N, C-alpha and C. Protein backbone atom coordinates (compact mmCIF):
# COMPACT_ATOMS: atom_id res chain seq x y z
N UNK A 1 -69.10 -5.90 5.56
CA UNK A 1 -68.41 -5.26 4.43
C UNK A 1 -67.99 -3.83 4.80
N UNK A 2 -68.91 -3.09 5.49
CA UNK A 2 -68.60 -1.71 5.87
C UNK A 2 -67.40 -1.68 6.82
N UNK A 3 -67.37 -2.68 7.76
CA UNK A 3 -66.25 -2.74 8.70
C UNK A 3 -64.94 -3.03 7.97
N UNK A 4 -64.99 -3.89 6.97
CA UNK A 4 -63.79 -4.24 6.21
C UNK A 4 -63.24 -3.03 5.46
N UNK A 5 -64.17 -2.26 4.85
CA UNK A 5 -63.76 -1.06 4.12
C UNK A 5 -63.13 -0.05 5.08
N UNK A 6 -63.73 0.10 6.27
CA UNK A 6 -63.21 1.04 7.26
C UNK A 6 -61.82 0.62 7.73
N UNK A 7 -61.65 -0.70 7.91
CA UNK A 7 -60.35 -1.21 8.36
C UNK A 7 -59.27 -0.95 7.32
N UNK A 8 -59.58 -1.18 6.07
CA UNK A 8 -58.62 -0.94 4.98
C UNK A 8 -58.28 0.54 4.93
N UNK A 9 -59.28 1.41 5.09
CA UNK A 9 -59.04 2.86 5.06
C UNK A 9 -58.11 3.28 6.19
N UNK A 10 -58.31 2.71 7.38
CA UNK A 10 -57.46 3.06 8.51
C UNK A 10 -56.02 2.60 8.29
N UNK A 11 -55.87 1.40 7.74
CA UNK A 11 -54.51 0.89 7.48
C UNK A 11 -53.78 1.77 6.48
N UNK A 12 -54.47 2.18 5.43
CA UNK A 12 -53.87 3.06 4.42
C UNK A 12 -53.51 4.40 5.04
N UNK A 13 -54.41 4.92 5.87
CA UNK A 13 -54.17 6.22 6.51
C UNK A 13 -52.96 6.17 7.44
N UNK A 14 -52.79 5.06 8.13
CA UNK A 14 -51.65 4.92 9.03
C UNK A 14 -50.34 4.70 8.27
N UNK A 15 -50.41 3.99 7.15
CA UNK A 15 -49.21 3.68 6.37
C UNK A 15 -48.71 4.89 5.61
N UNK A 16 -49.61 5.80 5.24
CA UNK A 16 -49.23 6.95 4.42
C UNK A 16 -48.20 7.83 5.10
N UNK A 17 -48.38 8.24 6.37
CA UNK A 17 -47.36 9.06 7.02
C UNK A 17 -46.03 8.34 7.14
N UNK A 18 -46.07 7.02 7.39
CA UNK A 18 -44.82 6.26 7.50
C UNK A 18 -44.06 6.27 6.18
N UNK A 19 -44.82 6.14 5.06
CA UNK A 19 -44.18 6.15 3.76
C UNK A 19 -43.56 7.50 3.47
N UNK A 20 -44.28 8.56 3.86
CA UNK A 20 -43.75 9.90 3.65
C UNK A 20 -42.50 10.11 4.47
N UNK A 21 -42.56 9.61 5.75
CA UNK A 21 -41.41 9.78 6.64
C UNK A 21 -40.21 9.04 6.11
N UNK A 22 -40.47 7.82 5.54
CA UNK A 22 -39.36 7.03 5.00
C UNK A 22 -38.70 7.73 3.83
N UNK A 23 -39.45 8.53 3.12
CA UNK A 23 -38.91 9.24 1.97
C UNK A 23 -38.16 10.50 2.37
N UNK A 24 -38.30 10.93 3.61
CA UNK A 24 -37.63 12.15 4.06
C UNK A 24 -36.18 11.82 4.42
N UNK A 25 -35.36 11.82 3.41
CA UNK A 25 -33.94 11.50 3.60
C UNK A 25 -33.13 12.22 2.52
N UNK A 26 -31.87 12.37 2.79
CA UNK A 26 -30.98 13.00 1.82
C UNK A 26 -29.76 12.11 1.63
N UNK A 27 -29.38 11.87 0.39
CA UNK A 27 -28.22 11.02 0.08
C UNK A 27 -27.11 11.88 -0.52
N UNK A 28 -25.92 11.72 -0.02
CA UNK A 28 -24.77 12.50 -0.49
C UNK A 28 -23.55 11.60 -0.60
N UNK A 29 -22.54 12.09 -1.29
CA UNK A 29 -21.25 11.40 -1.34
C UNK A 29 -20.14 12.44 -1.20
N UNK A 30 -19.03 12.02 -0.65
CA UNK A 30 -17.90 12.93 -0.46
C UNK A 30 -16.60 12.14 -0.63
N UNK A 31 -15.61 12.81 -1.22
CA UNK A 31 -14.30 12.19 -1.44
C UNK A 31 -13.21 13.07 -0.83
N UNK A 32 -12.31 12.43 -0.13
CA UNK A 32 -11.16 13.13 0.46
C UNK A 32 -9.89 12.52 -0.11
N UNK A 33 -9.00 13.37 -0.60
CA UNK A 33 -7.71 12.93 -1.13
C UNK A 33 -6.60 13.60 -0.33
N UNK A 34 -5.77 12.78 0.30
CA UNK A 34 -4.70 13.31 1.15
C UNK A 34 -3.35 12.82 0.64
N UNK A 35 -2.32 13.65 0.82
CA UNK A 35 -0.95 13.27 0.51
C UNK A 35 -0.25 12.92 1.82
N UNK A 36 0.14 11.66 1.94
CA UNK A 36 0.76 11.17 3.17
C UNK A 36 2.23 10.85 2.90
N UNK A 37 3.15 11.37 3.69
CA UNK A 37 4.57 11.09 3.48
C UNK A 37 4.87 9.59 3.57
N UNK A 38 5.64 9.08 2.64
CA UNK A 38 6.06 7.68 2.70
C UNK A 38 7.05 7.51 3.84
N UNK A 39 6.81 6.52 4.68
CA UNK A 39 7.69 6.30 5.83
C UNK A 39 8.39 4.94 5.79
N UNK A 40 8.40 4.31 4.62
CA UNK A 40 9.10 3.03 4.46
C UNK A 40 9.54 2.87 3.01
N UNK A 41 10.55 2.05 2.81
CA UNK A 41 11.05 1.78 1.46
C UNK A 41 11.47 0.33 1.37
N UNK A 42 11.30 -0.25 0.19
CA UNK A 42 11.67 -1.64 -0.06
C UNK A 42 12.68 -1.71 -1.18
N UNK A 43 13.76 -2.45 -0.95
CA UNK A 43 14.80 -2.65 -1.96
C UNK A 43 15.00 -4.14 -2.16
N UNK A 44 15.07 -4.55 -3.43
CA UNK A 44 15.30 -5.96 -3.74
C UNK A 44 16.70 -6.13 -4.31
N UNK A 45 17.45 -7.06 -3.73
CA UNK A 45 18.78 -7.40 -4.22
C UNK A 45 18.77 -8.79 -4.82
N UNK A 46 19.67 -9.00 -5.75
CA UNK A 46 19.85 -10.34 -6.32
C UNK A 46 21.34 -10.62 -6.41
N UNK A 47 21.70 -11.85 -6.06
CA UNK A 47 23.09 -12.29 -6.15
C UNK A 47 23.15 -13.46 -7.13
N UNK A 48 23.95 -13.32 -8.16
CA UNK A 48 24.10 -14.38 -9.15
C UNK A 48 25.57 -14.61 -9.48
N UNK A 49 25.98 -15.88 -9.50
CA UNK A 49 27.37 -16.22 -9.83
C UNK A 49 27.41 -17.48 -10.68
N UNK A 50 28.43 -17.55 -11.53
CA UNK A 50 28.62 -18.72 -12.38
C UNK A 50 29.90 -19.46 -11.98
N UNK A 51 29.78 -20.78 -11.91
CA UNK A 51 30.92 -21.64 -11.63
C UNK A 51 30.79 -22.92 -12.47
N UNK A 52 31.86 -23.70 -12.51
CA UNK A 52 31.83 -24.90 -13.34
C UNK A 52 30.99 -26.02 -12.72
N UNK A 53 30.71 -25.93 -11.43
CA UNK A 53 29.89 -26.94 -10.77
C UNK A 53 28.72 -26.32 -10.03
N UNK A 54 27.66 -27.07 -9.84
CA UNK A 54 26.47 -26.58 -9.15
C UNK A 54 26.79 -26.20 -7.70
N UNK A 55 27.46 -27.10 -6.99
CA UNK A 55 27.76 -26.85 -5.58
C UNK A 55 28.65 -25.61 -5.42
N UNK A 56 29.62 -25.46 -6.29
CA UNK A 56 30.51 -24.31 -6.20
C UNK A 56 29.75 -23.01 -6.41
N UNK A 57 28.84 -23.01 -7.37
CA UNK A 57 28.04 -21.82 -7.63
C UNK A 57 27.16 -21.48 -6.43
N UNK A 58 26.56 -22.50 -5.82
CA UNK A 58 25.71 -22.28 -4.66
C UNK A 58 26.50 -21.76 -3.47
N UNK A 59 27.71 -22.29 -3.27
CA UNK A 59 28.53 -21.84 -2.14
C UNK A 59 28.88 -20.36 -2.25
N UNK A 60 29.25 -19.93 -3.44
CA UNK A 60 29.60 -18.53 -3.64
C UNK A 60 28.39 -17.64 -3.41
N UNK A 61 27.26 -18.02 -3.96
CA UNK A 61 26.05 -17.22 -3.80
C UNK A 61 25.63 -17.16 -2.33
N UNK A 62 25.71 -18.29 -1.63
CA UNK A 62 25.32 -18.32 -0.21
C UNK A 62 26.18 -17.35 0.60
N UNK A 63 27.48 -17.33 0.34
CA UNK A 63 28.38 -16.43 1.08
C UNK A 63 28.06 -14.97 0.76
N UNK A 64 27.78 -14.67 -0.50
CA UNK A 64 27.47 -13.29 -0.88
C UNK A 64 26.12 -12.85 -0.30
N UNK A 65 25.15 -13.75 -0.29
CA UNK A 65 23.84 -13.41 0.27
C UNK A 65 23.97 -13.11 1.76
N UNK A 66 24.75 -13.91 2.48
CA UNK A 66 24.98 -13.65 3.90
C UNK A 66 25.61 -12.28 4.10
N UNK A 67 26.53 -11.91 3.22
CA UNK A 67 27.17 -10.60 3.31
C UNK A 67 26.18 -9.47 3.05
N UNK A 68 25.30 -9.66 2.08
CA UNK A 68 24.28 -8.65 1.76
C UNK A 68 23.32 -8.48 2.94
N UNK A 69 22.92 -9.59 3.54
CA UNK A 69 22.02 -9.52 4.69
C UNK A 69 22.68 -8.78 5.86
N UNK A 70 23.92 -9.14 6.15
CA UNK A 70 24.64 -8.50 7.25
C UNK A 70 24.81 -7.00 7.01
N UNK A 71 25.15 -6.64 5.77
CA UNK A 71 25.33 -5.21 5.44
C UNK A 71 24.01 -4.46 5.54
N UNK A 72 22.92 -5.09 5.13
CA UNK A 72 21.61 -4.44 5.17
C UNK A 72 21.17 -4.19 6.60
N UNK A 73 21.43 -5.15 7.48
CA UNK A 73 20.99 -5.02 8.86
C UNK A 73 21.81 -4.00 9.65
N UNK A 74 22.91 -3.56 9.08
CA UNK A 74 23.68 -2.50 9.74
C UNK A 74 23.18 -1.11 9.38
N UNK A 75 22.25 -1.03 8.44
CA UNK A 75 21.69 0.25 8.03
C UNK A 75 20.59 0.66 9.00
N UNK A 76 20.60 1.91 9.43
CA UNK A 76 19.57 2.41 10.34
C UNK A 76 18.19 2.27 9.69
N UNK A 77 17.23 1.79 10.49
CA UNK A 77 15.87 1.64 9.98
C UNK A 77 15.54 0.23 9.54
N UNK A 78 16.54 -0.66 9.50
CA UNK A 78 16.33 -2.05 9.09
C UNK A 78 16.42 -2.94 10.32
N UNK A 79 15.34 -3.64 10.62
CA UNK A 79 15.31 -4.55 11.76
C UNK A 79 15.49 -5.99 11.31
N UNK A 80 15.57 -6.89 12.30
CA UNK A 80 15.79 -8.31 11.99
C UNK A 80 14.65 -8.89 11.15
N UNK A 81 13.44 -8.41 11.38
CA UNK A 81 12.30 -8.94 10.62
C UNK A 81 12.05 -8.24 9.30
N UNK A 82 12.94 -7.35 8.91
CA UNK A 82 12.76 -6.59 7.67
C UNK A 82 13.53 -7.14 6.50
N UNK A 83 14.18 -8.29 6.69
CA UNK A 83 14.96 -8.91 5.62
C UNK A 83 14.34 -10.25 5.27
N UNK A 84 14.06 -10.46 4.00
CA UNK A 84 13.45 -11.69 3.52
C UNK A 84 14.22 -12.21 2.32
N UNK A 85 14.57 -13.48 2.34
CA UNK A 85 15.24 -14.07 1.17
C UNK A 85 14.20 -14.57 0.19
N UNK A 86 14.59 -14.58 -1.09
CA UNK A 86 13.68 -15.01 -2.14
C UNK A 86 14.03 -16.38 -2.68
N UNK A 87 13.59 -16.67 -3.89
CA UNK A 87 13.80 -17.99 -4.47
C UNK A 87 15.27 -18.22 -4.82
N UNK A 88 15.67 -19.47 -4.78
CA UNK A 88 17.04 -19.89 -5.11
C UNK A 88 16.98 -20.72 -6.39
N UNK A 89 17.84 -20.41 -7.33
CA UNK A 89 17.83 -21.16 -8.58
C UNK A 89 19.25 -21.55 -8.99
N UNK A 90 19.36 -22.69 -9.64
CA UNK A 90 20.62 -23.14 -10.22
C UNK A 90 20.29 -23.66 -11.61
N UNK A 91 20.95 -23.10 -12.62
CA UNK A 91 20.65 -23.53 -13.98
C UNK A 91 21.93 -23.65 -14.80
N UNK A 92 21.87 -24.50 -15.77
CA UNK A 92 23.01 -24.73 -16.66
C UNK A 92 23.02 -23.65 -17.74
N UNK A 93 24.20 -23.09 -17.98
CA UNK A 93 24.37 -22.05 -18.98
C UNK A 93 25.48 -22.46 -19.94
N UNK A 94 25.20 -22.39 -21.22
CA UNK A 94 26.21 -22.75 -22.22
C UNK A 94 27.16 -21.58 -22.44
N UNK A 95 28.41 -21.82 -22.22
CA UNK A 95 29.45 -20.82 -22.44
C UNK A 95 30.50 -21.43 -23.37
N UNK A 96 30.24 -21.37 -24.64
CA UNK A 96 31.13 -22.00 -25.61
C UNK A 96 30.98 -23.52 -25.57
N UNK A 97 32.10 -24.21 -25.54
CA UNK A 97 32.05 -25.67 -25.55
C UNK A 97 31.88 -26.25 -24.15
N UNK A 98 32.15 -25.44 -23.16
CA UNK A 98 32.11 -25.94 -21.79
C UNK A 98 30.98 -25.27 -21.02
N UNK A 99 29.97 -26.04 -20.58
CA UNK A 99 28.86 -25.43 -19.85
C UNK A 99 29.27 -25.05 -18.43
N UNK A 100 28.60 -24.05 -17.89
CA UNK A 100 28.78 -23.65 -16.49
C UNK A 100 27.42 -23.62 -15.83
N UNK A 101 27.45 -23.43 -14.53
CA UNK A 101 26.20 -23.39 -13.77
C UNK A 101 26.07 -22.04 -13.08
N UNK A 102 24.89 -21.45 -13.25
CA UNK A 102 24.62 -20.13 -12.66
C UNK A 102 23.63 -20.29 -11.50
N UNK A 103 24.07 -19.89 -10.33
CA UNK A 103 23.20 -19.92 -9.15
C UNK A 103 22.81 -18.49 -8.81
N UNK A 104 21.62 -18.32 -8.26
CA UNK A 104 21.15 -16.98 -7.89
C UNK A 104 20.16 -17.07 -6.73
N UNK A 105 20.10 -15.99 -5.97
CA UNK A 105 19.15 -15.90 -4.86
C UNK A 105 18.82 -14.42 -4.65
N UNK A 106 17.57 -14.16 -4.25
CA UNK A 106 17.13 -12.79 -4.03
C UNK A 106 17.01 -12.46 -2.55
N UNK A 107 17.15 -11.18 -2.23
CA UNK A 107 17.00 -10.69 -0.86
C UNK A 107 16.17 -9.41 -0.93
N UNK A 108 15.10 -9.34 -0.17
CA UNK A 108 14.26 -8.14 -0.10
C UNK A 108 14.41 -7.50 1.27
N UNK A 109 14.70 -6.21 1.28
CA UNK A 109 14.95 -5.49 2.54
C UNK A 109 14.00 -4.30 2.63
N UNK A 110 13.38 -4.14 3.79
CA UNK A 110 12.52 -2.99 4.07
C UNK A 110 13.21 -2.11 5.10
N UNK A 111 13.28 -0.84 4.83
CA UNK A 111 13.82 0.12 5.79
C UNK A 111 12.72 1.09 6.20
N UNK A 112 12.69 1.39 7.49
CA UNK A 112 11.69 2.32 8.02
C UNK A 112 12.23 3.73 8.14
N UNK A 113 13.36 3.95 7.52
CA UNK A 113 13.91 5.29 7.33
C UNK A 113 14.16 5.46 5.83
N UNK A 114 13.10 5.75 5.06
CA UNK A 114 13.20 5.73 3.60
C UNK A 114 14.22 6.70 3.02
N UNK A 115 14.52 7.77 3.74
CA UNK A 115 15.52 8.71 3.24
C UNK A 115 16.91 8.06 3.18
N UNK A 116 17.08 6.93 3.86
CA UNK A 116 18.36 6.22 3.82
C UNK A 116 18.37 5.05 2.86
N UNK A 117 17.40 4.99 1.95
CA UNK A 117 17.33 3.88 1.00
C UNK A 117 18.54 3.86 0.07
N UNK A 118 19.10 5.03 -0.25
CA UNK A 118 20.29 5.08 -1.08
C UNK A 118 21.48 4.41 -0.41
N UNK A 119 21.62 4.62 0.90
CA UNK A 119 22.68 3.97 1.66
C UNK A 119 22.48 2.46 1.69
N UNK A 120 21.23 2.04 1.77
CA UNK A 120 20.93 0.61 1.75
C UNK A 120 21.34 -0.01 0.43
N UNK A 121 21.02 0.65 -0.67
CA UNK A 121 21.40 0.15 -2.00
C UNK A 121 22.92 0.04 -2.10
N UNK A 122 23.62 1.10 -1.67
CA UNK A 122 25.08 1.11 -1.75
C UNK A 122 25.69 -0.01 -0.91
N UNK A 123 25.14 -0.23 0.29
CA UNK A 123 25.67 -1.27 1.17
C UNK A 123 25.47 -2.66 0.57
N UNK A 124 24.30 -2.89 -0.02
CA UNK A 124 24.03 -4.19 -0.62
C UNK A 124 24.93 -4.48 -1.81
N UNK A 125 25.16 -3.48 -2.64
CA UNK A 125 26.02 -3.65 -3.81
C UNK A 125 27.47 -3.88 -3.38
N UNK A 126 27.91 -3.11 -2.40
CA UNK A 126 29.28 -3.28 -1.91
C UNK A 126 29.49 -4.65 -1.29
N UNK A 127 28.42 -5.24 -0.73
CA UNK A 127 28.53 -6.54 -0.09
C UNK A 127 28.50 -7.69 -1.09
N UNK A 128 28.16 -7.40 -2.34
CA UNK A 128 28.18 -8.47 -3.34
C UNK A 128 26.93 -8.67 -4.16
N UNK A 129 25.92 -7.83 -3.97
CA UNK A 129 24.71 -7.96 -4.80
C UNK A 129 25.06 -7.66 -6.25
N UNK A 130 24.58 -8.45 -7.17
CA UNK A 130 24.89 -8.25 -8.59
C UNK A 130 23.81 -7.46 -9.32
N UNK A 131 22.65 -7.30 -8.69
CA UNK A 131 21.63 -6.43 -9.27
C UNK A 131 20.70 -5.94 -8.17
N UNK A 132 20.05 -4.82 -8.43
CA UNK A 132 19.11 -4.25 -7.46
C UNK A 132 17.83 -3.85 -8.18
N UNK A 133 16.75 -3.76 -7.40
CA UNK A 133 15.49 -3.24 -7.92
C UNK A 133 14.85 -2.40 -6.83
N UNK A 134 14.43 -1.20 -7.19
CA UNK A 134 13.84 -0.30 -6.21
C UNK A 134 14.72 0.94 -6.05
N UNK A 135 14.51 1.70 -4.99
CA UNK A 135 13.57 1.45 -3.89
C UNK A 135 12.12 1.73 -4.26
N UNK A 136 11.23 1.00 -3.59
CA UNK A 136 9.80 1.26 -3.71
C UNK A 136 9.36 1.90 -2.40
N UNK A 137 8.90 3.13 -2.48
CA UNK A 137 8.48 3.86 -1.29
C UNK A 137 6.99 3.62 -1.03
N UNK A 138 6.63 3.54 0.25
CA UNK A 138 5.23 3.30 0.59
C UNK A 138 4.95 3.75 2.02
N UNK A 139 3.66 3.77 2.35
CA UNK A 139 3.22 4.10 3.71
C UNK A 139 3.19 2.81 4.52
N UNK A 140 3.89 2.80 5.64
CA UNK A 140 3.98 1.58 6.43
C UNK A 140 2.63 1.12 6.97
N UNK A 141 1.90 2.01 7.61
CA UNK A 141 0.58 1.67 8.17
C UNK A 141 -0.49 2.21 7.23
N UNK A 142 -0.78 1.45 6.20
CA UNK A 142 -1.76 1.87 5.19
C UNK A 142 -3.16 1.98 5.79
N UNK A 143 -3.48 1.07 6.69
CA UNK A 143 -4.83 1.06 7.27
C UNK A 143 -5.09 2.32 8.09
N UNK A 144 -4.10 2.74 8.88
CA UNK A 144 -4.28 3.94 9.69
C UNK A 144 -4.45 5.17 8.80
N UNK A 145 -3.65 5.26 7.73
CA UNK A 145 -3.75 6.40 6.82
C UNK A 145 -5.11 6.43 6.12
N UNK A 146 -5.59 5.26 5.71
CA UNK A 146 -6.88 5.19 5.03
C UNK A 146 -8.03 5.49 5.99
N UNK A 147 -7.95 4.97 7.21
CA UNK A 147 -9.03 5.21 8.18
C UNK A 147 -9.16 6.69 8.51
N UNK A 148 -8.03 7.38 8.61
CA UNK A 148 -8.08 8.82 8.90
C UNK A 148 -8.78 9.57 7.77
N UNK A 149 -8.46 9.19 6.53
CA UNK A 149 -9.11 9.83 5.39
C UNK A 149 -10.60 9.45 5.32
N UNK A 150 -10.93 8.24 5.74
CA UNK A 150 -12.32 7.77 5.71
C UNK A 150 -13.19 8.57 6.67
N UNK A 151 -12.68 8.81 7.87
CA UNK A 151 -13.43 9.60 8.86
C UNK A 151 -13.62 11.03 8.35
N UNK A 152 -12.58 11.56 7.74
CA UNK A 152 -12.66 12.92 7.19
C UNK A 152 -13.71 13.00 6.07
N UNK A 153 -13.78 11.94 5.26
CA UNK A 153 -14.76 11.90 4.17
C UNK A 153 -16.19 11.84 4.72
N UNK A 154 -16.39 11.09 5.80
CA UNK A 154 -17.72 11.02 6.41
C UNK A 154 -18.13 12.37 6.98
N UNK A 155 -17.20 13.06 7.63
CA UNK A 155 -17.52 14.39 8.16
C UNK A 155 -17.86 15.36 7.04
N UNK A 156 -17.15 15.23 5.93
CA UNK A 156 -17.43 16.08 4.78
C UNK A 156 -18.81 15.79 4.21
N UNK A 157 -19.17 14.51 4.15
CA UNK A 157 -20.49 14.12 3.65
C UNK A 157 -21.59 14.63 4.58
N UNK A 158 -21.33 14.55 5.88
CA UNK A 158 -22.33 15.02 6.84
C UNK A 158 -22.54 16.52 6.74
N UNK A 159 -21.46 17.25 6.52
CA UNK A 159 -21.57 18.72 6.35
C UNK A 159 -22.38 19.05 5.11
N UNK A 160 -22.09 18.32 4.03
CA UNK A 160 -22.83 18.56 2.79
C UNK A 160 -24.32 18.25 2.97
N UNK A 161 -24.62 17.14 3.66
CA UNK A 161 -26.01 16.77 3.88
C UNK A 161 -26.71 17.81 4.77
N UNK A 162 -26.00 18.37 5.75
CA UNK A 162 -26.59 19.39 6.61
C UNK A 162 -26.96 20.65 5.84
N UNK A 163 -26.10 21.04 4.89
CA UNK A 163 -26.41 22.21 4.07
C UNK A 163 -27.66 21.97 3.22
N UNK A 164 -27.77 20.78 2.66
CA UNK A 164 -28.94 20.46 1.84
C UNK A 164 -30.21 20.40 2.69
N UNK A 165 -30.09 19.84 3.89
CA UNK A 165 -31.26 19.76 4.77
C UNK A 165 -31.74 21.15 5.16
N UNK A 166 -30.81 22.04 5.49
CA UNK A 166 -31.19 23.40 5.85
C UNK A 166 -31.84 24.12 4.69
N UNK A 167 -31.31 23.90 3.49
CA UNK A 167 -31.89 24.54 2.30
C UNK A 167 -33.30 24.05 2.03
N UNK A 168 -33.57 22.79 2.45
CA UNK A 168 -34.91 22.23 2.23
C UNK A 168 -35.85 22.51 3.39
N UNK A 169 -35.39 23.28 4.38
CA UNK A 169 -36.23 23.60 5.53
C UNK A 169 -36.41 22.45 6.49
N UNK A 170 -35.42 21.57 6.55
CA UNK A 170 -35.51 20.41 7.44
C UNK A 170 -34.27 20.38 8.34
N UNK A 171 -34.30 19.43 9.27
CA UNK A 171 -33.16 19.27 10.18
C UNK A 171 -32.54 17.91 9.91
N UNK A 172 -31.21 17.87 9.92
CA UNK A 172 -30.51 16.62 9.60
C UNK A 172 -30.62 15.64 10.76
N UNK A 173 -31.02 14.43 10.40
CA UNK A 173 -31.14 13.36 11.39
C UNK A 173 -29.95 12.42 11.34
N UNK A 174 -30.07 11.25 11.93
CA UNK A 174 -28.96 10.30 11.96
C UNK A 174 -28.72 9.66 10.59
N UNK A 175 -27.52 9.09 10.43
CA UNK A 175 -27.19 8.39 9.19
C UNK A 175 -27.97 7.08 9.11
N UNK A 176 -28.52 6.80 7.93
CA UNK A 176 -29.27 5.56 7.72
C UNK A 176 -28.37 4.50 7.10
N UNK A 177 -27.63 4.89 6.08
CA UNK A 177 -26.69 3.97 5.43
C UNK A 177 -25.37 4.70 5.15
N UNK A 178 -24.27 3.96 5.23
CA UNK A 178 -22.94 4.50 4.92
C UNK A 178 -22.19 3.45 4.11
N UNK A 179 -21.66 3.86 2.96
CA UNK A 179 -20.90 2.96 2.09
C UNK A 179 -19.54 3.58 1.84
N UNK A 180 -18.48 2.81 2.05
CA UNK A 180 -17.13 3.34 1.89
C UNK A 180 -16.51 2.89 0.57
N UNK A 181 -15.42 3.59 0.20
CA UNK A 181 -14.64 3.21 -0.99
C UNK A 181 -13.38 4.03 -1.03
N UNK A 182 -12.34 3.51 -1.70
CA UNK A 182 -11.09 4.24 -1.81
C UNK A 182 -9.90 3.34 -1.58
N UNK A 183 -8.72 3.94 -1.39
CA UNK A 183 -7.52 3.14 -1.18
C UNK A 183 -6.29 4.02 -1.10
N UNK A 184 -5.11 3.36 -1.06
CA UNK A 184 -3.82 4.05 -0.96
C UNK A 184 -3.01 3.73 -2.20
N UNK A 185 -2.53 4.76 -2.89
CA UNK A 185 -1.69 4.59 -4.07
C UNK A 185 -0.27 5.02 -3.72
N UNK A 186 0.66 4.07 -3.77
CA UNK A 186 2.04 4.35 -3.40
C UNK A 186 2.84 4.84 -4.58
N UNK A 187 3.87 5.61 -4.28
CA UNK A 187 4.80 6.08 -5.30
C UNK A 187 5.93 5.08 -5.44
N UNK A 188 6.27 4.69 -6.66
CA UNK A 188 7.36 3.75 -6.90
C UNK A 188 8.45 4.43 -7.70
N UNK A 189 9.68 4.27 -7.25
CA UNK A 189 10.81 4.85 -7.96
C UNK A 189 11.17 3.98 -9.16
N UNK A 190 11.84 4.52 -10.19
CA UNK A 190 12.28 3.73 -11.32
C UNK A 190 13.21 2.62 -10.86
N UNK A 191 13.17 1.49 -11.54
CA UNK A 191 14.02 0.38 -11.18
C UNK A 191 15.47 0.66 -11.59
N UNK A 192 16.39 0.21 -10.74
CA UNK A 192 17.80 0.43 -11.02
C UNK A 192 18.33 -0.62 -11.98
N UNK A 193 19.39 -0.28 -12.69
CA UNK A 193 20.02 -1.23 -13.59
C UNK A 193 20.99 -2.09 -12.81
N UNK A 194 21.55 -3.10 -13.44
CA UNK A 194 22.48 -3.98 -12.75
C UNK A 194 23.78 -3.24 -12.49
N UNK A 195 24.21 -3.19 -11.21
CA UNK A 195 25.42 -2.44 -10.88
C UNK A 195 26.66 -3.31 -10.86
N UNK A 196 27.81 -2.67 -10.85
CA UNK A 196 29.08 -3.34 -10.65
C UNK A 196 29.39 -3.30 -9.17
N UNK A 197 29.68 -4.46 -8.57
CA UNK A 197 30.01 -4.50 -7.16
C UNK A 197 31.36 -3.84 -6.93
N UNK A 198 31.46 -3.08 -5.85
CA UNK A 198 32.71 -2.39 -5.54
C UNK A 198 32.81 -2.18 -4.04
N UNK A 199 34.02 -1.90 -3.53
CA UNK A 199 34.22 -1.71 -2.11
C UNK A 199 33.62 -0.38 -1.65
N UNK A 200 33.83 0.66 -2.43
CA UNK A 200 33.32 1.98 -2.09
C UNK A 200 32.26 2.38 -3.10
N UNK A 201 31.01 2.16 -2.73
CA UNK A 201 29.89 2.47 -3.61
C UNK A 201 29.19 3.71 -3.09
N UNK A 202 29.10 4.77 -3.88
CA UNK A 202 28.41 5.98 -3.41
C UNK A 202 26.92 5.73 -3.25
N UNK A 203 26.35 6.33 -2.23
CA UNK A 203 24.91 6.18 -2.00
C UNK A 203 24.15 7.07 -2.98
N UNK A 204 23.31 6.50 -3.85
CA UNK A 204 22.55 7.33 -4.78
C UNK A 204 21.51 8.16 -4.04
N UNK A 205 21.24 9.37 -4.50
CA UNK A 205 20.23 10.21 -3.84
C UNK A 205 18.83 9.64 -4.02
N UNK A 206 18.01 9.77 -3.00
CA UNK A 206 16.63 9.29 -3.07
C UNK A 206 15.70 10.34 -2.48
N UNK A 207 14.47 10.33 -2.92
CA UNK A 207 13.42 11.19 -2.41
C UNK A 207 12.19 10.32 -2.13
N UNK A 208 11.88 10.06 -0.87
CA UNK A 208 10.76 9.17 -0.55
C UNK A 208 9.41 9.62 -1.10
N UNK A 209 9.18 10.94 -1.19
CA UNK A 209 7.92 11.43 -1.75
C UNK A 209 6.72 11.10 -0.86
N UNK A 210 5.55 11.14 -1.46
CA UNK A 210 4.30 10.91 -0.73
C UNK A 210 3.41 9.93 -1.47
N UNK A 211 2.53 9.30 -0.74
CA UNK A 211 1.51 8.44 -1.31
C UNK A 211 0.17 9.15 -1.27
N UNK A 212 -0.68 8.82 -2.21
CA UNK A 212 -2.03 9.41 -2.27
C UNK A 212 -3.02 8.49 -1.56
N UNK A 213 -3.69 9.03 -0.57
CA UNK A 213 -4.72 8.28 0.15
C UNK A 213 -6.07 8.88 -0.23
N UNK A 214 -6.94 8.07 -0.76
CA UNK A 214 -8.27 8.54 -1.19
C UNK A 214 -9.34 7.72 -0.51
N UNK A 215 -10.30 8.41 0.06
CA UNK A 215 -11.43 7.75 0.71
C UNK A 215 -12.72 8.40 0.23
N UNK A 216 -13.70 7.56 -0.09
CA UNK A 216 -15.00 8.03 -0.56
C UNK A 216 -16.09 7.45 0.32
N UNK A 217 -17.03 8.28 0.68
CA UNK A 217 -18.15 7.84 1.51
C UNK A 217 -19.46 8.26 0.82
N UNK A 218 -20.37 7.32 0.67
CA UNK A 218 -21.72 7.60 0.20
C UNK A 218 -22.66 7.32 1.38
N UNK A 219 -23.40 8.33 1.79
CA UNK A 219 -24.22 8.19 2.99
C UNK A 219 -25.63 8.74 2.77
N UNK A 220 -26.56 8.15 3.46
CA UNK A 220 -27.94 8.63 3.44
C UNK A 220 -28.33 9.01 4.87
N UNK A 221 -28.82 10.24 5.02
CA UNK A 221 -29.22 10.74 6.35
C UNK A 221 -30.73 10.98 6.37
N UNK A 222 -31.32 10.72 7.51
CA UNK A 222 -32.76 11.00 7.69
C UNK A 222 -32.96 12.50 7.86
N UNK A 223 -34.11 12.98 7.41
CA UNK A 223 -34.49 14.38 7.60
C UNK A 223 -35.59 14.46 8.63
N UNK A 224 -35.43 15.38 9.57
CA UNK A 224 -36.44 15.52 10.63
C UNK A 224 -37.19 16.83 10.48
């Protein structure tokens, strides 16, 4: 019995310093908010035409869509992989006593020179687009922008933890846990109204602006 009591006492004595050491830690959180210039813009075009027959309506829309694509790809900053066509629809529309058929198709274009988004809009409208939406400005490499802010947030958290450790008369040790959070909020321009197609369409002024990148880090550091 005496040996058992002694063994229990030794185990408690050994565990006590470990428990105290485990409690010697400091937990902090830090948030970094950065303004990153938008380096890309997205514009959506739509082509819609009405004809007395389905095939005729589709033929006209197909020709106009090809023209919009060709005009878009001549704009600086637009590559072959930056143009995507959308859904195609054909529906019957009542126009008095004689019905007609309305065909439509969408085209989405991304330009990597966002300051030229106005020229892109003008080119698409001049080529036959019957409506536009955008431009929507955004950061092309969202992950790189977020990662940069994330590292900055961790450094900020570490600095804060170091100040607290020094104030407590301790030395900051390695990080025990790190939890991330945050994201990228893009700026979106107001949507444009349906334009009239014309040969000479002036390029509307645009301002790409900036996106907000926010990263938050919650970290726990050991104290030595």
